[in-house]
Amino acid sequence: QVQLVESGGGLVQAGGSLRLSCAGSGRTFSSDTMGWFRQGPGKEREFVAYINWSSSYSDYATSVKGRFTISKDNTKNTVYLQMNSLKPEDTAIYYCAAKRGGGTPYARSYGDWGQGTQVTVSS
């Protein structure tokens, strides 16, 4: 059974940092593009970042560029999202996802999803 399990969410003050992790099991994700998405209260799920299988390319939503960094450790089947300079508008449930092939910011392209981890940023 394929599983993606996120961790590292929590409550943080504006300007603070959090590091999310997403551990995969059930198959190897070393050939996958891994992505992070988020869904805030009353909002649709939106793209945050993705990284390709070899970690040679990544892309970010404009709203997080320069503040968030995505990375991948294929030996651990794990993808990370380092979030710095957090803002209240970053408050959301953060999901990791995996897809075969190249990266895309479109959630519908990703076949495997985690259950999400809550990030709350207080002002």
Protein backbone atom coordinates (compact mmCIF):
# COMPACT_ATOMS: atom_id res chain seq x y z
CA GLN A 1 0.00 0.00 0.00
CA VAL A 2 1.43 3.34 -1.08
CA GLN A 3 1.51 5.94 1.66
CA LEU A 4 2.72 9.49 2.02
CA VAL A 5 2.82 10.76 5.58
CA GLU A 6 3.42 14.43 6.36
CA SER A 7 4.77 15.75 9.64
CA GLY A 8 6.22 18.91 11.08
CA GLY A 9 3.19 21.16 11.07
CA GLY A 10 2.17 23.27 14.02
CA LEU A 11 1.54 26.73 15.38
CA VAL A 12 4.14 29.41 14.79
CA GLN A 13 4.27 33.18 15.03
CA ALA A 14 4.56 35.34 11.96
CA GLY A 15 8.17 35.56 10.87
CA GLY A 16 8.95 32.12 12.22
CA SER A 17 9.98 28.91 10.48
CA LEU A 18 8.79 25.35 10.14
CA ARG A 19 10.13 22.34 8.31
CA LEU A 20 7.65 19.88 6.90
CA SER A 21 8.58 16.32 6.04
CA CYS A 22 6.79 13.79 3.90
CA ALA A 23 7.86 10.16 4.12
CA GLY A 24 6.84 7.75 1.40
CA SER A 25 6.35 4.03 1.72
CA GLY A 26 4.94 1.20 -0.33
CA ARG A 27 7.10 1.93 -3.34
CA THR A 28 10.16 3.96 -4.20
CA PHE A 29 9.61 7.60 -5.09
CA SER A 30 13.12 8.17 -6.42
CA SER A 31 11.82 8.53 -9.97
CA ASP A 32 8.89 10.76 -9.04
CA THR A 33 8.31 14.43 -9.01
CA MET A 34 7.26 15.39 -5.49
CA GLY A 35 5.03 18.34 -4.78
CA TRP A 36 3.62 20.33 -1.91
CA PHE A 37 0.15 21.83 -2.04
CA ARG A 38 -1.91 23.63 0.57
CA GLN A 39 -5.53 24.39 1.31
CA GLY A 40 -6.42 27.33 3.48
CA PRO A 41 -9.75 27.90 5.26
CA GLY A 42 -12.47 28.41 2.68
CA LYS A 43 -10.00 28.18 -0.18
CA GLU A 44 -9.25 25.72 -2.93
CA ARG A 45 -6.15 23.58 -2.86
CA GLU A 46 -3.22 25.47 -4.36
CA PHE A 47 0.25 24.67 -5.58
CA VAL A 48 3.19 25.49 -3.33
CA ALA A 49 6.27 23.82 -4.82
CA TYR A 50 7.56 20.78 -6.66
CA ILE A 51 10.91 19.13 -7.20
CA ASN A 52 11.84 16.68 -9.92
CA TRP A 53 13.18 13.17 -9.37
CA SER A 54 16.86 14.10 -9.46
CA SER A 55 16.44 17.34 -7.49
CA SER A 56 17.90 19.19 -10.44
CA TYR A 57 14.84 21.36 -10.90
CA SER A 58 12.23 22.88 -8.63
CA ASP A 59 9.50 25.43 -8.98
CA TYR A 60 7.53 27.54 -6.54
CA ALA A 61 4.34 29.48 -6.33
CA THR A 62 4.98 33.20 -6.55
CA SER A 63 3.56 33.69 -3.05
CA VAL A 64 6.24 31.52 -1.44
CA LYS A 65 9.24 32.07 -3.72
CA GLY A 66 12.27 33.19 -1.73
CA ARG A 67 10.75 32.03 1.57
CA PHE A 68 10.17 28.30 1.05
CA THR A 69 12.63 25.65 -0.10
CA ILE A 70 11.73 22.17 -1.28
CA SER A 71 14.26 19.34 -1.12
CA LYS A 72 14.25 15.59 -1.58
CA ASP A 73 16.24 12.72 -0.11
CA ASN A 74 15.77 9.69 -2.32
CA THR A 75 17.69 7.46 0.08
CA LYS A 76 15.02 8.15 2.69
CA ASN A 77 12.07 8.35 0.30
CA THR A 78 11.37 11.73 1.88
CA VAL A 79 10.62 15.22 0.65
CA TYR A 80 10.95 18.35 2.77
CA LEU A 81 9.55 21.85 2.75
CA GLN A 82 11.53 24.44 4.68
CA MET A 83 9.29 27.41 5.35
CA ASN A 84 10.84 30.67 6.54
CA SER A 85 9.42 34.14 7.15
CA LEU A 86 5.98 32.65 7.62
CA LYS A 87 2.95 34.88 7.24
CA PRO A 88 -0.61 34.48 8.54
CA GLU A 89 -1.74 33.88 4.96
CA ASP A 90 0.42 30.74 4.90
CA THR A 91 -2.04 29.16 7.34
CA ALA A 92 -3.36 26.01 5.67
CA ILE A 93 -3.31 22.25 5.60
CA TYR A 94 -0.20 21.26 3.69
CA TYR A 95 -0.24 18.14 1.53
CA CYS A 96 2.55 16.33 -0.21
CA ALA A 97 1.96 14.49 -3.45
CA ALA A 98 3.83 12.34 -5.94
CA LYS A 99 3.61 11.87 -9.68
CA ARG A 100 5.53 9.95 -12.27
CA GLY A 101 7.36 12.03 -14.83
CA GLY A 102 7.94 15.74 -15.01
CA GLY A 103 6.75 18.42 -12.67
CA THR A 104 3.57 20.41 -12.91
CA PRO A 105 1.74 22.80 -10.60
CA TYR A 106 -1.59 21.09 -11.29
CA ALA A 107 -2.90 18.99 -8.43
CA ARG A 108 -4.91 16.74 -10.75
CA SER A 109 -1.64 15.45 -12.23
CA TYR A 110 -0.51 13.91 -8.95
CA GLY A 111 -1.63 10.37 -8.20
CA ASP A 112 -0.52 9.81 -4.63
CA TRP A 113 -1.37 12.12 -1.74
CA GLY A 114 -0.71 12.37 1.96
CA GLN A 115 -3.32 13.13 4.59
CA GLY A 116 -2.01 16.64 5.25
CA THR A 117 -0.48 18.50 8.17
CA GLN A 118 -1.86 21.70 9.67
CA VAL A 119 0.25 24.85 9.67
CA THR A 120 -1.09 27.82 11.59
CA VAL A 121 0.71 31.16 11.58
CA SER A 122 -0.40 33.68 14.17
CA SER A 123 -0.01 37.41 13.70
